[in-house]
Amino acid sequence: ATLFLSAGVPMLVGGDEIGRTQHGNNNGYAQDNEISWVN
């Protein structure tokens, strides 16, 4: 809500709108598996 109510341009990451998780991994760029895939 804060993002879309704010002046400026909102940037939404695909997957956040459906609760995508990387199970606490915050650097999964090299993980071509369930960590980085969209379920």
PDB file of all heavy atoms in Angstrom:
ATOM      1  N   ALA A   1       0.833  -1.199   0.000  1.00  0.00           N
ATOM      2  CA  ALA A   1       0.000   0.000   0.000  1.00  0.00           C
ATOM      3  C   ALA A   1       0.869   1.251   0.000  1.00  0.00           C
ATOM      4  O   ALA A   1       0.612   2.198  -0.755  1.00  0.00           O
ATOM      5  CB  ALA A   1      -0.932  -0.004   1.210  1.00  0.00           C
ATOM      6  N   THR A   2       1.906   1.274   0.827  1.00  0.00           N
ATOM      7  CA  THR A   2       2.800   2.427   0.851  1.00  0.00           C
ATOM      8  C   THR A   2       3.422   2.657  -0.515  1.00  0.00           C
ATOM      9  O   THR A   2       3.517   3.797  -0.987  1.00  0.00           O
ATOM     10  CB  THR A   2       3.900   2.220   1.907  1.00  0.00           C
ATOM     11  OG1 THR A   2       3.303   1.967   3.187  1.00  0.00           O
ATOM     12  CG2 THR A   2       4.789   3.443   2.006  1.00  0.00           C
ATOM     13  N   LEU A   3       3.827   1.575  -1.170  1.00  0.00           N
ATOM     14  CA  LEU A   3       4.451   1.683  -2.491  1.00  0.00           C
ATOM     15  C   LEU A   3       3.508   2.326  -3.501  1.00  0.00           C
ATOM     16  O   LEU A   3       3.876   3.261  -4.222  1.00  0.00           O
ATOM     17  CB  LEU A   3       4.879   0.290  -2.960  1.00  0.00           C
ATOM     18  CG  LEU A   3       5.491   0.192  -4.355  1.00  0.00           C
ATOM     19  CD1 LEU A   3       6.814   0.952  -4.415  1.00  0.00           C
ATOM     20  CD2 LEU A   3       5.704  -1.273  -4.732  1.00  0.00           C
ATOM     21  N   PHE A   4       2.268   1.859  -3.564  1.00  0.00           N
ATOM     22  CA  PHE A   4       1.356   2.320  -4.610  1.00  0.00           C
ATOM     23  C   PHE A   4       0.661   3.632  -4.258  1.00  0.00           C
ATOM     24  O   PHE A   4       0.091   4.276  -5.140  1.00  0.00           O
ATOM     25  CB  PHE A   4       0.325   1.235  -4.920  1.00  0.00           C
ATOM     26  CG  PHE A   4       0.860   0.162  -5.811  1.00  0.00           C
ATOM     27  CD1 PHE A   4       1.362  -1.010  -5.277  1.00  0.00           C
ATOM     28  CD2 PHE A   4       0.891   0.326  -7.184  1.00  0.00           C
ATOM     29  CE1 PHE A   4       1.880  -2.003  -6.094  1.00  0.00           C
ATOM     30  CE2 PHE A   4       1.403  -0.655  -8.008  1.00  0.00           C
ATOM     31  CZ  PHE A   4       1.903  -1.832  -7.467  1.00  0.00           C
ATOM     32  N   LEU A   5       0.726   4.052  -3.004  1.00  0.00           N
ATOM     33  CA  LEU A   5       0.139   5.322  -2.610  1.00  0.00           C
ATOM     34  C   LEU A   5       1.144   6.469  -2.660  1.00  0.00           C
ATOM     35  O   LEU A   5       0.774   7.629  -2.465  1.00  0.00           O
ATOM     36  CB  LEU A   5      -0.436   5.232  -1.192  1.00  0.00           C
ATOM     37  CG  LEU A   5      -1.613   4.268  -1.002  1.00  0.00           C
ATOM     38  CD1 LEU A   5      -1.959   4.152   0.480  1.00  0.00           C
ATOM     39  CD2 LEU A   5      -2.834   4.712  -1.806  1.00  0.00           C
ATOM     40  N   SER A   6       2.400   6.167  -2.935  1.00  0.00           N
ATOM     41  CA  SER A   6       3.459   7.170  -2.894  1.00  0.00           C
ATOM     42  C   SER A   6       3.625   7.868  -4.233  1.00  0.00           C
ATOM     43  O   SER A   6       3.470   7.253  -5.302  1.00  0.00           O
ATOM     44  CB  SER A   6       4.789   6.523  -2.490  1.00  0.00           C
ATOM     45  OG  SER A   6       4.733   6.024  -1.179  1.00  0.00           O
ATOM     46  N   ALA A   7       3.976   9.164  -4.171  1.00  0.00           N
ATOM     47  CA  ALA A   7       4.309   9.906  -5.383  1.00  0.00           C
ATOM     48  C   ALA A   7       5.614   9.368  -5.954  1.00  0.00           C
ATOM     49  O   ALA A   7       6.513   8.974  -5.226  1.00  0.00           O
ATOM     50  CB  ALA A   7       4.444  11.393  -5.062  1.00  0.00           C
ATOM     51  N   GLY A   8       5.714   9.381  -7.270  1.00  0.00           N
ATOM     52  CA  GLY A   8       6.839   8.768  -7.944  1.00  0.00           C
ATOM     53  C   GLY A   8       6.352   7.601  -8.781  1.00  0.00           C
ATOM     54  O   GLY A   8       5.168   7.513  -9.116  1.00  0.00           O
ATOM     55  N   VAL A   9       7.248   6.699  -9.105  1.00  0.00           N
ATOM     56  CA  VAL A   9       6.921   5.545  -9.953  1.00  0.00           C
ATOM     57  C   VAL A   9       7.088   4.267  -9.129  1.00  0.00           C
ATOM     58  O   VAL A   9       8.191   3.983  -8.659  1.00  0.00           O
ATOM     59  CB  VAL A   9       7.833   5.484 -11.193  1.00  0.00           C
ATOM     60  CG1 VAL A   9       7.479   4.290 -12.067  1.00  0.00           C
ATOM     61  CG2 VAL A   9       7.727   6.783 -11.990  1.00  0.00           C
ATOM     62  N   PRO A  10       6.021   3.496  -8.930  1.00  0.00           N
ATOM     63  CA  PRO A  10       6.161   2.264  -8.146  1.00  0.00           C
ATOM     64  C   PRO A  10       6.819   1.145  -8.953  1.00  0.00           C
ATOM     65  O   PRO A  10       6.504   0.951 -10.125  1.00  0.00           O
ATOM     66  CB  PRO A  10       4.714   1.903  -7.791  1.00  0.00           C
ATOM     67  CG  PRO A  10       3.904   2.481  -8.903  1.00  0.00           C
ATOM     68  CD  PRO A  10       4.626   3.731  -9.349  1.00  0.00           C
ATOM     69  N   MET A  11       7.741   0.430  -8.326  1.00  0.00           N
ATOM     70  CA  MET A  11       8.374  -0.731  -8.948  1.00  0.00           C
ATOM     71  C   MET A  11       8.047  -1.970  -8.117  1.00  0.00           C
ATOM     72  O   MET A  11       8.441  -2.068  -6.953  1.00  0.00           O
ATOM     73  CB  MET A  11       9.896  -0.549  -9.047  1.00  0.00           C
ATOM     74  CG  MET A  11      10.588  -1.703  -9.769  1.00  0.00           C
ATOM     75  SD  MET A  11      12.365  -1.450  -9.989  1.00  0.00           S
ATOM     76  CE  MET A  11      12.984  -1.862  -8.353  1.00  0.00           C
ATOM     77  N   LEU A  12       7.300  -2.883  -8.694  1.00  0.00           N
ATOM     78  CA  LEU A  12       6.888  -4.114  -8.022  1.00  0.00           C
ATOM     79  C   LEU A  12       7.656  -5.288  -8.604  1.00  0.00           C
ATOM     80  O   LEU A  12       7.701  -5.461  -9.825  1.00  0.00           O
ATOM     81  CB  LEU A  12       5.387  -4.331  -8.209  1.00  0.00           C
ATOM     82  CG  LEU A  12       4.791  -5.614  -7.628  1.00  0.00           C
ATOM     83  CD1 LEU A  12       4.856  -5.603  -6.111  1.00  0.00           C
ATOM     84  CD2 LEU A  12       3.355  -5.796  -8.098  1.00  0.00           C
ATOM     85  N   VAL A  13       8.252  -6.091  -7.746  1.00  0.00           N
ATOM     86  CA  VAL A  13       8.989  -7.277  -8.195  1.00  0.00           C
ATOM     87  C   VAL A  13       8.012  -8.413  -8.459  1.00  0.00           C
ATOM     88  O   VAL A  13       7.180  -8.742  -7.597  1.00  0.00           O
ATOM     89  CB  VAL A  13      10.026  -7.702  -7.140  1.00  0.00           C
ATOM     90  CG1 VAL A  13      10.740  -8.983  -7.580  1.00  0.00           C
ATOM     91  CG2 VAL A  13      11.036  -6.595  -6.919  1.00  0.00           C
ATOM     92  N   GLY A  14       8.091  -9.003  -9.641  1.00  0.00           N
ATOM     93  CA  GLY A  14       7.223 -10.121  -9.962  1.00  0.00           C
ATOM     94  C   GLY A  14       7.379 -11.258  -8.964  1.00  0.00           C
ATOM     95  O   GLY A  14       8.502 -11.692  -8.678  1.00  0.00           O
ATOM     96  N   GLY A  15       6.273 -11.708  -8.434  1.00  0.00           N
ATOM     97  CA  GLY A  15       6.272 -12.766  -7.423  1.00  0.00           C
ATOM     98  C   GLY A  15       5.890 -12.248  -6.054  1.00  0.00           C
ATOM     99  O   GLY A  15       5.314 -12.984  -5.244  1.00  0.00           O
ATOM    100  N   ASP A  16       6.208 -10.976  -5.768  1.00  0.00           N
ATOM    101  CA  ASP A  16       5.837 -10.421  -4.468  1.00  0.00           C
ATOM    102  C   ASP A  16       4.324 -10.355  -4.305  1.00  0.00           C
ATOM    103  O   ASP A  16       3.812 -10.403  -3.184  1.00  0.00           O
ATOM    104  CB  ASP A  16       6.429  -9.020  -4.306  1.00  0.00           C
ATOM    105  CG  ASP A  16       7.879  -9.054  -3.846  1.00  0.00           C
ATOM    106  OD1 ASP A  16       8.395 -10.156  -3.573  1.00  0.00           O
ATOM    107  OD2 ASP A  16       8.496  -7.970  -3.752  1.00  0.00           O
ATOM    108  N   GLU A  17       3.597 -10.247  -5.423  1.00  0.00           N
ATOM    109  CA  GLU A  17       2.140 -10.137  -5.340  1.00  0.00           C
ATOM    110  C   GLU A  17       1.474 -11.462  -5.013  1.00  0.00           C
ATOM    111  O   GLU A  17       0.272 -11.501  -4.718  1.00  0.00           O
ATOM    112  CB  GLU A  17       1.578  -9.571  -6.656  1.00  0.00           C
ATOM    113  CG  GLU A  17       1.482 -10.565  -7.788  1.00  0.00           C
ATOM    114  CD  GLU A  17       2.802 -10.854  -8.486  1.00  0.00           C
ATOM    115  OE1 GLU A  17       3.866 -10.404  -8.001  1.00  0.00           O
ATOM    116  OE2 GLU A  17       2.785 -11.539  -9.532  1.00  0.00           O
ATOM    117  N   ILE A  18       2.246 -12.554  -5.015  1.00  0.00           N
ATOM    118  CA  ILE A  18       1.699 -13.859  -4.660  1.00  0.00           C
ATOM    119  C   ILE A  18       2.510 -14.533  -3.551  1.00  0.00           C
ATOM    120  O   ILE A  18       2.372 -15.730  -3.312  1.00  0.00           O
ATOM    121  CB  ILE A  18       1.598 -14.795  -5.885  1.00  0.00           C
ATOM    122  CG1 ILE A  18       2.961 -14.978  -6.567  1.00  0.00           C
ATOM    123  CG2 ILE A  18       0.575 -14.273  -6.871  1.00  0.00           C
ATOM    124  CD1 ILE A  18       2.944 -15.999  -7.699  1.00  0.00           C
ATOM    125  N   GLY A  19       3.352 -13.763  -2.865  1.00  0.00           N
ATOM    126  CA  GLY A  19       4.067 -14.284  -1.710  1.00  0.00           C
ATOM    127  C   GLY A  19       5.237 -15.182  -2.030  1.00  0.00           C
ATOM    128  O   GLY A  19       5.543 -16.103  -1.254  1.00  0.00           O
ATOM    129  N   ARG A  20       5.951 -14.934  -3.130  1.00  0.00           N
ATOM    130  CA  ARG A  20       7.105 -15.782  -3.475  1.00  0.00           C
ATOM    131  C   ARG A  20       8.173 -15.695  -2.391  1.00  0.00           C
ATOM    132  O   ARG A  20       8.449 -14.630  -1.860  1.00  0.00           O
ATOM    133  CB  ARG A  20       7.713 -15.347  -4.812  1.00  0.00           C
ATOM    134  CG  ARG A  20       8.775 -16.310  -5.336  1.00  0.00           C
ATOM    135  CD  ARG A  20       9.316 -15.871  -6.689  1.00  0.00           C
ATOM    136  NE  ARG A  20      10.295 -14.800  -6.563  1.00  0.00           N
ATOM    137  CZ  ARG A  20      11.589 -15.006  -6.349  1.00  0.00           C
ATOM    138  NH1 ARG A  20      12.071 -16.249  -6.207  1.00  0.00           N
ATOM    139  NH2 ARG A  20      12.419 -13.988  -6.259  1.00  0.00           N
ATOM    140  N   THR A  21       8.766 -16.836  -2.063  1.00  0.00           N
ATOM    141  CA  THR A  21       9.801 -16.889  -1.038  1.00  0.00           C
ATOM    142  C   THR A  21      11.061 -17.531  -1.601  1.00  0.00           C
ATOM    143  O   THR A  21      11.003 -18.387  -2.491  1.00  0.00           O
ATOM    144  CB  THR A  21       9.337 -17.699   0.186  1.00  0.00           C
ATOM    145  OG1 THR A  21      10.422 -17.799   1.130  1.00  0.00           O
ATOM    146  CG2 THR A  21       8.895 -19.110  -0.198  1.00  0.00           C
ATOM    147  N   GLN A  22      12.202 -17.087  -1.098  1.00  0.00           N
ATOM    148  CA  GLN A  22      13.485 -17.748  -1.358  1.00  0.00           C
ATOM    149  C   GLN A  22      14.013 -18.380  -0.069  1.00  0.00           C
ATOM    150  O   GLN A  22      15.197 -18.671   0.039  1.00  0.00           O
ATOM    151  CB  GLN A  22      14.503 -16.756  -1.935  1.00  0.00           C
ATOM    152  CG  GLN A  22      14.113 -16.273  -3.324  1.00  0.00           C
ATOM    153  CD  GLN A  22      15.157 -15.401  -3.999  1.00  0.00           C
ATOM    154  OE1 GLN A  22      15.085 -15.169  -5.206  1.00  0.00           O
ATOM    155  NE2 GLN A  22      16.141 -14.901  -3.257  1.00  0.00           N
ATOM    156  N   HIS A  23      13.106 -18.571   0.902  1.00  0.00           N
ATOM    157  CA  HIS A  23      13.418 -19.251   2.158  1.00  0.00           C
ATOM    158  C   HIS A  23      14.571 -18.572   2.886  1.00  0.00           C
ATOM    159  O   HIS A  23      15.420 -19.244   3.486  1.00  0.00           O
ATOM    160  CB  HIS A  23      13.726 -20.727   1.900  1.00  0.00           C
ATOM    161  CG  HIS A  23      12.687 -21.412   1.062  1.00  0.00           C
ATOM    162  ND1 HIS A  23      11.411 -21.665   1.511  1.00  0.00           N
ATOM    163  CD2 HIS A  23      12.716 -21.850  -0.240  1.00  0.00           C
ATOM    164  CE1 HIS A  23      10.709 -22.247   0.547  1.00  0.00           C
ATOM    165  NE2 HIS A  23      11.470 -22.359  -0.523  1.00  0.00           N
ATOM    166  N   GLY A  24      14.584 -17.243   2.833  1.00  0.00           N
ATOM    167  CA  GLY A  24      15.589 -16.480   3.552  1.00  0.00           C
ATOM    168  C   GLY A  24      16.871 -16.247   2.787  1.00  0.00           C
ATOM    169  O   GLY A  24      17.778 -15.586   3.302  1.00  0.00           O
ATOM    170  N   ASN A  25      16.988 -16.762   1.585  1.00  0.00           N
ATOM    171  CA  ASN A  25      18.174 -16.526   0.756  1.00  0.00           C
ATOM    172  C   ASN A  25      18.032 -15.158   0.092  1.00  0.00           C
ATOM    173  O   ASN A  25      17.094 -14.921  -0.661  1.00  0.00           O
ATOM    174  CB  ASN A  25      18.293 -17.624  -0.303  1.00  0.00           C
ATOM    175  CG  ASN A  25      19.647 -17.615  -1.006  1.00  0.00           C
ATOM    176  OD1 ASN A  25      20.194 -16.568  -1.303  1.00  0.00           O
ATOM    177  ND2 ASN A  25      20.168 -18.811  -1.266  1.00  0.00           N
ATOM    178  N   ASN A  26      18.958 -14.250   0.382  1.00  0.00           N
ATOM    179  CA  ASN A  26      18.840 -12.914  -0.190  1.00  0.00           C
ATOM    180  C   ASN A  26      19.863 -12.647  -1.289  1.00  0.00           C
ATOM    181  O   ASN A  26      20.121 -11.498  -1.659  1.00  0.00           O
ATOM    182  CB  ASN A  26      18.957 -11.840   0.904  1.00  0.00           C
ATOM    183  CG  ASN A  26      20.369 -11.672   1.449  1.00  0.00           C
ATOM    184  OD1 ASN A  26      21.281 -12.436   1.121  1.00  0.00           O
ATOM    185  ND2 ASN A  26      20.554 -10.662   2.285  1.00  0.00           N
ATOM    186  N   ASN A  27      20.425 -13.733  -1.827  1.00  0.00           N
ATOM    187  CA  ASN A  27      21.415 -13.588  -2.900  1.00  0.00           C
ATOM    188  C   ASN A  27      21.328 -14.793  -3.822  1.00  0.00           C
ATOM    189  O   ASN A  27      22.320 -15.458  -4.109  1.00  0.00           O
ATOM    190  CB  ASN A  27      22.825 -13.456  -2.299  1.00  0.00           C
ATOM    191  CG  ASN A  27      23.844 -12.986  -3.322  1.00  0.00           C
ATOM    192  OD1 ASN A  27      23.514 -12.224  -4.225  1.00  0.00           O
ATOM    193  ND2 ASN A  27      25.085 -13.430  -3.169  1.00  0.00           N
ATOM    194  N   GLY A  28      20.106 -15.070  -4.291  1.00  0.00           N
ATOM    195  CA  GLY A  28      19.864 -16.304  -5.043  1.00  0.00           C
ATOM    196  C   GLY A  28      20.064 -16.194  -6.536  1.00  0.00           C
ATOM    197  O   GLY A  28      19.521 -17.009  -7.291  1.00  0.00           O
ATOM    198  N   TYR A  29      20.846 -15.220  -7.002  1.00  0.00           N
ATOM    199  CA  TYR A  29      20.964 -14.993  -8.449  1.00  0.00           C
ATOM    200  C   TYR A  29      21.558 -16.185  -9.193  1.00  0.00           C
ATOM    201  O   TYR A  29      21.277 -16.387 -10.379  1.00  0.00           O
ATOM    202  CB  TYR A  29      21.821 -13.749  -8.716  1.00  0.00           C
ATOM    203  CG  TYR A  29      23.294 -13.941  -8.467  1.00  0.00           C
ATOM    204  CD1 TYR A  29      24.167 -14.251  -9.507  1.00  0.00           C
ATOM    205  CD2 TYR A  29      23.828 -13.829  -7.183  1.00  0.00           C
ATOM    206  CE1 TYR A  29      25.512 -14.432  -9.282  1.00  0.00           C
ATOM    207  CE2 TYR A  29      25.175 -14.019  -6.956  1.00  0.00           C
ATOM    208  CZ  TYR A  29      26.009 -14.313  -8.005  1.00  0.00           C
ATOM    209  OH  TYR A  29      27.339 -14.511  -7.775  1.00  0.00           O
ATOM    210  N   ALA A  30      22.370 -16.993  -8.516  1.00  0.00           N
ATOM    211  CA  ALA A  30      23.015 -18.127  -9.188  1.00  0.00           C
ATOM    212  C   ALA A  30      22.261 -19.434  -8.983  1.00  0.00           C
ATOM    213  O   ALA A  30      22.720 -20.491  -9.420  1.00  0.00           O
ATOM    214  CB  ALA A  30      24.447 -18.284  -8.675  1.00  0.00           C
ATOM    215  N   GLN A  31      21.112 -19.388  -8.344  1.00  0.00           N
ATOM    216  CA  GLN A  31      20.351 -20.588  -8.028  1.00  0.00           C
ATOM    217  C   GLN A  31      19.256 -20.811  -9.075  1.00  0.00           C
ATOM    218  O   GLN A  31      18.233 -20.146  -9.067  1.00  0.00           O
ATOM    219  CB  GLN A  31      19.726 -20.465  -6.632  1.00  0.00           C
ATOM    220  CG  GLN A  31      20.727 -20.322  -5.503  1.00  0.00           C
ATOM    221  CD  GLN A  31      21.496 -21.607  -5.244  1.00  0.00           C
ATOM    222  OE1 GLN A  31      21.178 -22.658  -5.775  1.00  0.00           O
ATOM    223  NE2 GLN A  31      22.534 -21.515  -4.424  1.00  0.00           N
ATOM    224  N   ASP A  32      19.506 -21.750  -9.977  1.00  0.00           N
ATOM    225  CA  ASP A  32      18.497 -22.100 -10.994  1.00  0.00           C
ATOM    226  C   ASP A  32      17.728 -23.320 -10.495  1.00  0.00           C
ATOM    227  O   ASP A  32      17.879 -24.432 -10.990  1.00  0.00           O
ATOM    228  CB  ASP A  32      19.178 -22.379 -12.334  1.00  0.00           C
ATOM    229  CG  ASP A  32      18.173 -22.633 -13.445  1.00  0.00           C
ATOM    230  OD1 ASP A  32      16.973 -22.364 -13.236  1.00  0.00           O
ATOM    231  OD2 ASP A  32      18.576 -23.115 -14.519  1.00  0.00           O
ATOM    232  N   ASN A  33      16.915 -23.100  -9.467  1.00  0.00           N
ATOM    233  CA  ASN A  33      16.171 -24.182  -8.836  1.00  0.00           C
ATOM    234  C   ASN A  33      14.994 -23.575  -8.072  1.00  0.00           C
ATOM    235  O   ASN A  33      14.636 -22.419  -8.289  1.00  0.00           O
ATOM    236  CB  ASN A  33      17.089 -25.001  -7.910  1.00  0.00           C
ATOM    237  CG  ASN A  33      17.853 -24.113  -6.940  1.00  0.00           C
ATOM    238  OD1 ASN A  33      17.315 -23.162  -6.384  1.00  0.00           O
ATOM    239  ND2 ASN A  33      19.143 -24.410  -6.756  1.00  0.00           N
ATOM    240  N   GLU A  34      14.423 -24.333  -7.155  1.00  0.00           N
ATOM    241  CA  GLU A  34      13.241 -23.873  -6.432  1.00  0.00           C
ATOM    242  C   GLU A  34      13.479 -22.607  -5.627  1.00  0.00           C
ATOM    243  O   GLU A  34      12.532 -21.893  -5.284  1.00  0.00           O
ATOM    244  CB  GLU A  34      12.725 -24.981  -5.502  1.00  0.00           C
ATOM    245  CG  GLU A  34      12.070 -26.156  -6.209  1.00  0.00           C
ATOM    246  CD  GLU A  34      13.093 -27.169  -6.703  1.00  0.00           C
ATOM    247  OE1 GLU A  34      14.327 -26.915  -6.536  1.00  0.00           O
ATOM    248  OE2 GLU A  34      12.677 -28.203  -7.254  1.00  0.00           O
ATOM    249  N   ILE A  35      14.743 -22.308  -5.304  1.00  0.00           N
ATOM    250  CA  ILE A  35      15.029 -21.088  -4.549  1.00  0.00           C
ATOM    251  C   ILE A  35      14.638 -19.851  -5.350  1.00  0.00           C
ATOM    252  O   ILE A  35      14.042 -18.908  -4.820  1.00  0.00           O
ATOM    253  CB  ILE A  35      16.520 -21.032  -4.151  1.00  0.00           C
ATOM    254  CG1 ILE A  35      16.836 -22.125  -3.114  1.00  0.00           C
ATOM    255  CG2 ILE A  35      16.894 -19.653  -3.606  1.00  0.00           C
ATOM    256  CD1 ILE A  35      18.300 -22.204  -2.742  1.00  0.00           C
ATOM    257  N   SER A  36      14.951 -19.842  -6.641  1.00  0.00           N
ATOM    258  CA  SER A  36      14.724 -18.636  -7.442  1.00  0.00           C
ATOM    259  C   SER A  36      13.551 -18.753  -8.406  1.00  0.00           C
ATOM    260  O   SER A  36      13.142 -17.744  -8.987  1.00  0.00           O
ATOM    261  CB  SER A  36      16.002 -18.297  -8.237  1.00  0.00           C
ATOM    262  OG  SER A  36      16.334 -19.366  -9.111  1.00  0.00           O
ATOM    263  N   TRP A  37      13.021 -19.934  -8.610  1.00  0.00           N
ATOM    264  CA  TRP A  37      11.884 -20.084  -9.514  1.00  0.00           C
ATOM    265  C   TRP A  37      10.617 -19.486  -8.898  1.00  0.00           C
ATOM    266  O   TRP A  37      10.486 -19.350  -7.678  1.00  0.00           O
ATOM    267  CB  TRP A  37      11.620 -21.560  -9.815  1.00  0.00           C
ATOM    268  CG  TRP A  37      12.714 -22.233 -10.592  1.00  0.00           C
ATOM    269  CD1 TRP A  37      13.714 -21.636 -11.309  1.00  0.00           C
ATOM    270  CD2 TRP A  37      12.918 -23.639 -10.710  1.00  0.00           C
ATOM    271  NE1 TRP A  37      14.531 -22.577 -11.859  1.00  0.00           N
ATOM    272  CE2 TRP A  37      14.076 -23.819 -11.521  1.00  0.00           C
ATOM    273  CE3 TRP A  37      12.264 -24.760 -10.225  1.00  0.00           C
ATOM    274  CZ2 TRP A  37      14.564 -25.077 -11.854  1.00  0.00           C
ATOM    275  CZ3 TRP A  37      12.745 -26.018 -10.551  1.00  0.00           C
ATOM    276  CH2 TRP A  37      13.877 -26.176 -11.361  1.00  0.00           C
ATOM    277  N   VAL A  38       9.665 -19.160  -9.765  1.00  0.00           N
ATOM    278  CA  VAL A  38       8.342 -18.739  -9.312  1.00  0.00           C
ATOM    279  C   VAL A  38       7.440 -19.972  -9.236  1.00  0.00           C
ATOM    280  O   VAL A  38       7.242 -20.667 -10.236  1.00  0.00           O
ATOM    281  CB  VAL A  38       7.723 -17.698 -10.259  1.00  0.00           C
ATOM    282  CG1 VAL A  38       6.288 -17.370  -9.826  1.00  0.00           C
ATOM    283  CG2 VAL A  38       8.569 -16.432 -10.283  1.00  0.00           C
ATOM    284  N   ASN A  39       6.917 -20.251  -8.065  1.00  0.00           N
ATOM    285  CA  ASN A  39       5.978 -21.352  -7.867  1.00  0.00           C
ATOM    286  C   ASN A  39       4.569 -20.810  -8.100  1.00  0.00           C
ATOM    287  O   ASN A  39       4.011 -20.108  -7.259  1.00  0.00           O
ATOM    288  CB  ASN A  39       6.120 -21.909  -6.456  1.00  0.00           C
ATOM    289  CG  ASN A  39       5.126 -23.017  -6.166  1.00  0.00           C
ATOM    290  OD1 ASN A  39       4.352 -23.427  -7.036  1.00  0.00           O
ATOM    291  ND2 ASN A  39       5.140 -23.515  -4.940  1.00  0.00           N
TER     292      ASN A  39
END
